[in-house]
Amino acid sequence: MFRHILRPIARNTRTGTRSYQVPHDVRPPSMDEVPVPHGSWQEAYNKAQTKYNLQLAAGVLVLIATIVTGRMNGTLWLNFLPPTPKDSEASK
């Protein structure tokens, strides 16, 4: 019974890695297949930086809006100062 369990495992490990054959129509890549750059790199760089700066500004604005909203609702406590006791707690 142990032989029946190990036979499929042995069969798969024997033929697993050595059975691959490279197809005949595949050839190694050459430098002729590399895309040739065109246009000004400075224009592409400036366009990308404009997009990234807008994303940065939007992220900062969303962060500030989140902090302000959380502070106004009382759901966000940033521990700026030590907590002070309320009047009702101090009188007890």
N, C-alpha and C. Protein backbone atom coordinates (compact mmCIF):
# COMPACT_ATOMS: atom_id res chain seq x y z
N MET A 1 0.82 -1.18 0.00
CA MET A 1 0.00 0.00 0.00
C MET A 1 0.87 1.26 0.00
N PHE A 2 1.97 1.21 0.71
CA PHE A 2 2.87 2.34 0.74
C PHE A 2 3.46 2.61 -0.65
N ARG A 3 3.67 1.53 -1.42
CA ARG A 3 4.18 1.65 -2.77
C ARG A 3 3.18 2.36 -3.67
N HIS A 4 1.88 2.16 -3.48
CA HIS A 4 0.85 2.81 -4.28
C HIS A 4 0.79 4.31 -4.01
N ILE A 5 1.14 4.70 -2.81
CA ILE A 5 1.14 6.13 -2.48
C ILE A 5 2.37 6.82 -3.07
N LEU A 6 3.52 6.17 -3.04
CA LEU A 6 4.76 6.79 -3.48
C LEU A 6 4.97 6.73 -5.00
N ARG A 7 4.31 5.82 -5.70
CA ARG A 7 4.53 5.67 -7.13
C ARG A 7 4.19 6.94 -7.92
N PRO A 8 3.04 7.61 -7.70
CA PRO A 8 2.76 8.84 -8.46
C PRO A 8 3.73 9.97 -8.11
N ILE A 9 4.16 10.03 -6.87
CA ILE A 9 5.11 11.07 -6.48
C ILE A 9 6.44 10.85 -7.18
N ALA A 10 6.92 9.64 -7.21
CA ALA A 10 8.19 9.33 -7.87
C ALA A 10 8.09 9.58 -9.37
N ARG A 11 6.94 9.24 -9.97
CA ARG A 11 6.75 9.45 -11.40
C ARG A 11 6.80 10.94 -11.74
N ASN A 12 6.17 11.78 -10.92
CA ASN A 12 6.14 13.22 -11.20
C ASN A 12 7.50 13.86 -10.99
N THR A 13 8.26 13.44 -10.02
CA THR A 13 9.57 14.04 -9.79
C THR A 13 10.58 13.59 -10.83
N ARG A 14 10.41 12.43 -11.39
CA ARG A 14 11.34 11.92 -12.38
C ARG A 14 11.24 12.70 -13.69
N THR A 15 10.04 13.06 -14.11
CA THR A 15 9.86 13.70 -15.41
C THR A 15 9.52 15.18 -15.29
N GLY A 16 9.59 15.75 -14.10
CA GLY A 16 9.12 17.11 -13.88
C GLY A 16 9.95 18.19 -14.57
N THR A 17 11.26 18.18 -14.41
CA THR A 17 12.06 19.30 -14.88
C THR A 17 12.83 19.01 -16.17
N ARG A 18 13.04 17.78 -16.50
CA ARG A 18 13.87 17.47 -17.66
C ARG A 18 13.07 17.27 -18.94
N SER A 19 11.78 17.42 -18.88
CA SER A 19 10.98 17.15 -20.07
C SER A 19 10.73 18.40 -20.92
N TYR A 20 11.21 19.59 -20.51
CA TYR A 20 10.94 20.81 -21.26
C TYR A 20 11.86 20.90 -22.46
N GLN A 21 11.27 21.19 -23.62
CA GLN A 21 12.03 21.37 -24.85
C GLN A 21 11.73 22.77 -25.38
N VAL A 22 12.75 23.49 -25.78
CA VAL A 22 12.57 24.82 -26.34
C VAL A 22 11.99 24.68 -27.74
N PRO A 23 10.90 25.41 -28.03
CA PRO A 23 10.33 25.32 -29.39
C PRO A 23 11.33 25.82 -30.44
N HIS A 24 11.22 25.30 -31.66
CA HIS A 24 12.16 25.63 -32.71
C HIS A 24 11.93 27.03 -33.27
N ASP A 25 10.72 27.58 -33.14
CA ASP A 25 10.45 28.89 -33.72
C ASP A 25 10.80 30.04 -32.75
N VAL A 26 11.35 29.74 -31.58
CA VAL A 26 11.72 30.77 -30.62
C VAL A 26 13.19 31.11 -30.82
N ARG A 27 13.46 32.41 -30.93
CA ARG A 27 14.84 32.85 -31.08
C ARG A 27 15.15 33.87 -29.99
N PRO A 28 16.40 34.03 -29.62
CA PRO A 28 16.73 35.00 -28.58
C PRO A 28 16.48 36.43 -29.06
N PRO A 29 16.12 37.34 -28.16
CA PRO A 29 15.86 38.72 -28.58
C PRO A 29 17.13 39.42 -29.04
N SER A 30 16.95 40.42 -29.89
CA SER A 30 18.10 41.18 -30.38
C SER A 30 17.88 42.67 -30.08
N MET A 31 18.91 43.46 -30.31
CA MET A 31 18.83 44.90 -30.04
C MET A 31 17.92 45.62 -31.04
N ASP A 32 17.59 44.99 -32.16
CA ASP A 32 16.69 45.60 -33.14
C ASP A 32 15.26 45.66 -32.61
N GLU A 33 14.92 44.85 -31.61
CA GLU A 33 13.57 44.83 -31.07
C GLU A 33 13.35 45.84 -29.95
N VAL A 34 14.40 46.51 -29.49
CA VAL A 34 14.29 47.48 -28.41
C VAL A 34 13.62 48.74 -28.97
N PRO A 35 12.61 49.30 -28.27
CA PRO A 35 11.97 50.50 -28.78
C PRO A 35 12.93 51.69 -28.79
N VAL A 36 12.79 52.51 -29.82
CA VAL A 36 13.64 53.69 -29.98
C VAL A 36 12.92 54.88 -29.36
N PRO A 37 13.58 55.62 -28.45
CA PRO A 37 12.92 56.77 -27.86
C PRO A 37 12.70 57.87 -28.90
N HIS A 38 11.60 58.62 -28.72
CA HIS A 38 11.32 59.74 -29.60
C HIS A 38 10.70 60.86 -28.79
N GLY A 39 10.85 62.08 -29.23
CA GLY A 39 10.32 63.22 -28.51
C GLY A 39 11.32 63.72 -27.47
N SER A 40 10.95 64.81 -26.84
CA SER A 40 11.82 65.43 -25.84
C SER A 40 11.62 64.76 -24.49
N TRP A 41 12.71 64.38 -23.87
CA TRP A 41 12.62 63.78 -22.55
C TRP A 41 12.20 64.81 -21.52
N GLN A 42 12.59 66.06 -21.72
CA GLN A 42 12.26 67.12 -20.76
C GLN A 42 10.75 67.37 -20.71
N GLU A 43 10.09 67.34 -21.85
CA GLU A 43 8.64 67.52 -21.87
C GLU A 43 7.93 66.37 -21.15
N ALA A 44 8.38 65.15 -21.38
CA ALA A 44 7.78 63.99 -20.71
C ALA A 44 8.04 64.05 -19.21
N TYR A 45 9.23 64.48 -18.83
CA TYR A 45 9.57 64.60 -17.41
C TYR A 45 8.71 65.66 -16.74
N ASN A 46 8.57 66.82 -17.38
CA ASN A 46 7.76 67.90 -16.80
C ASN A 46 6.30 67.49 -16.67
N LYS A 47 5.78 66.79 -17.65
CA LYS A 47 4.39 66.33 -17.60
C LYS A 47 4.19 65.34 -16.45
N ALA A 48 5.13 64.42 -16.28
CA ALA A 48 5.03 63.45 -15.19
C ALA A 48 5.15 64.14 -13.83
N GLN A 49 6.06 65.11 -13.71
CA GLN A 49 6.22 65.81 -12.44
C GLN A 49 4.99 66.63 -12.08
N THR A 50 4.32 67.20 -13.08
CA THR A 50 3.08 67.94 -12.83
C THR A 50 2.02 67.00 -12.27
N LYS A 51 1.92 65.82 -12.85
CA LYS A 51 0.94 64.83 -12.37
C LYS A 51 1.28 64.40 -10.95
N TYR A 52 2.55 64.14 -10.67
CA TYR A 52 2.95 63.70 -9.34
C TYR A 52 2.74 64.80 -8.30
N ASN A 53 3.01 66.05 -8.66
CA ASN A 53 2.80 67.16 -7.72
C ASN A 53 1.33 67.35 -7.41
N LEU A 54 0.45 67.16 -8.41
CA LEU A 54 -0.99 67.26 -8.16
C LEU A 54 -1.46 66.14 -7.23
N GLN A 55 -0.93 64.94 -7.42
CA GLN A 55 -1.28 63.83 -6.53
C GLN A 55 -0.79 64.09 -5.11
N LEU A 56 0.40 64.67 -4.97
CA LEU A 56 0.92 64.99 -3.65
C LEU A 56 0.05 66.04 -2.97
N ALA A 57 -0.32 67.09 -3.70
CA ALA A 57 -1.16 68.15 -3.13
C ALA A 57 -2.52 67.60 -2.73
N ALA A 58 -3.11 66.76 -3.56
CA ALA A 58 -4.41 66.17 -3.23
C ALA A 58 -4.30 65.28 -1.99
N GLY A 59 -3.23 64.54 -1.86
CA GLY A 59 -3.03 63.69 -0.70
C GLY A 59 -2.88 64.49 0.59
N VAL A 60 -2.14 65.60 0.51
CA VAL A 60 -1.97 66.45 1.69
C VAL A 60 -3.29 67.08 2.08
N LEU A 61 -4.07 67.54 1.10
CA LEU A 61 -5.37 68.14 1.39
C LEU A 61 -6.33 67.12 2.02
N VAL A 62 -6.34 65.90 1.53
CA VAL A 62 -7.20 64.86 2.09
C VAL A 62 -6.76 64.54 3.52
N LEU A 63 -5.45 64.49 3.77
CA LEU A 63 -4.95 64.24 5.12
C LEU A 63 -5.38 65.35 6.08
N ILE A 64 -5.23 66.59 5.66
CA ILE A 64 -5.62 67.72 6.52
C ILE A 64 -7.13 67.69 6.77
N ALA A 65 -7.92 67.43 5.73
CA ALA A 65 -9.37 67.38 5.90
C ALA A 65 -9.77 66.24 6.85
N THR A 66 -9.09 65.12 6.78
CA THR A 66 -9.38 63.99 7.66
C THR A 66 -9.07 64.34 9.11
N ILE A 67 -7.93 64.97 9.34
CA ILE A 67 -7.55 65.35 10.70
C ILE A 67 -8.52 66.38 11.26
N VAL A 68 -8.87 67.40 10.47
CA VAL A 68 -9.79 68.43 10.93
C VAL A 68 -11.16 67.84 11.24
N THR A 69 -11.66 66.99 10.37
CA THR A 69 -12.97 66.36 10.58
C THR A 69 -12.95 65.48 11.83
N GLY A 70 -11.90 64.72 12.02
CA GLY A 70 -11.79 63.87 13.19
C GLY A 70 -11.71 64.67 14.48
N ARG A 71 -11.00 65.78 14.46
CA ARG A 71 -10.90 66.62 15.65
C ARG A 71 -12.24 67.30 15.96
N MET A 72 -12.94 67.75 14.93
CA MET A 72 -14.21 68.44 15.15
C MET A 72 -15.28 67.47 15.67
N ASN A 73 -15.27 66.23 15.22
CA ASN A 73 -16.24 65.23 15.68
C ASN A 73 -15.88 64.66 17.04
N GLY A 74 -14.65 64.82 17.43
CA GLY A 74 -14.20 64.24 18.69
C GLY A 74 -13.77 62.80 18.57
N THR A 75 -13.68 62.28 17.37
CA THR A 75 -13.27 60.88 17.19
C THR A 75 -11.76 60.73 17.11
N LEU A 76 -11.04 61.83 16.95
CA LEU A 76 -9.58 61.78 16.82
C LEU A 76 -8.96 62.59 17.94
N TRP A 77 -8.18 61.92 18.76
CA TRP A 77 -7.49 62.60 19.84
C TRP A 77 -6.00 62.45 19.58
N LEU A 78 -5.30 63.56 19.40
CA LEU A 78 -3.89 63.52 19.02
C LEU A 78 -2.93 63.66 20.20
N ASN A 79 -3.45 63.74 21.44
CA ASN A 79 -2.62 63.82 22.63
C ASN A 79 -1.67 65.01 22.61
N PHE A 80 -2.20 66.19 22.28
CA PHE A 80 -1.37 67.38 22.29
C PHE A 80 -1.01 67.78 23.72
N LEU A 81 -1.98 67.71 24.62
CA LEU A 81 -1.80 68.10 26.01
C LEU A 81 -2.25 66.96 26.92
N PRO A 82 -1.77 66.96 28.16
CA PRO A 82 -2.29 65.93 29.06
C PRO A 82 -3.76 66.17 29.33
N PRO A 83 -4.52 65.12 29.56
CA PRO A 83 -5.96 65.29 29.78
C PRO A 83 -6.23 66.06 31.08
N THR A 84 -7.21 66.94 31.04
CA THR A 84 -7.60 67.70 32.22
C THR A 84 -8.92 67.14 32.74
N PRO A 85 -9.06 67.05 34.05
CA PRO A 85 -10.31 66.52 34.59
C PRO A 85 -11.45 67.50 34.37
N LYS A 86 -12.65 66.96 34.14
CA LYS A 86 -13.83 67.79 33.97
C LYS A 86 -14.32 68.25 35.33
N ASP A 87 -15.18 69.25 35.38
CA ASP A 87 -15.65 69.80 36.65
C ASP A 87 -16.43 68.78 37.46
N SER A 88 -17.24 67.97 36.81
CA SER A 88 -18.04 66.99 37.54
C SER A 88 -17.17 65.92 38.19
N GLU A 89 -16.07 65.57 37.55
CA GLU A 89 -15.16 64.57 38.12
C GLU A 89 -14.32 65.18 39.25
N ALA A 90 -14.01 66.46 39.14
CA ALA A 90 -13.17 67.10 40.14
C ALA A 90 -13.93 67.32 41.45
N SER A 91 -15.25 67.51 41.39
CA SER A 91 -16.03 67.79 42.59
C SER A 91 -16.29 66.53 43.42
N LYS A 92 -16.16 65.36 42.86
CA LYS A 92 -16.42 64.11 43.58
C LYS A 92 -15.36 63.81 44.54
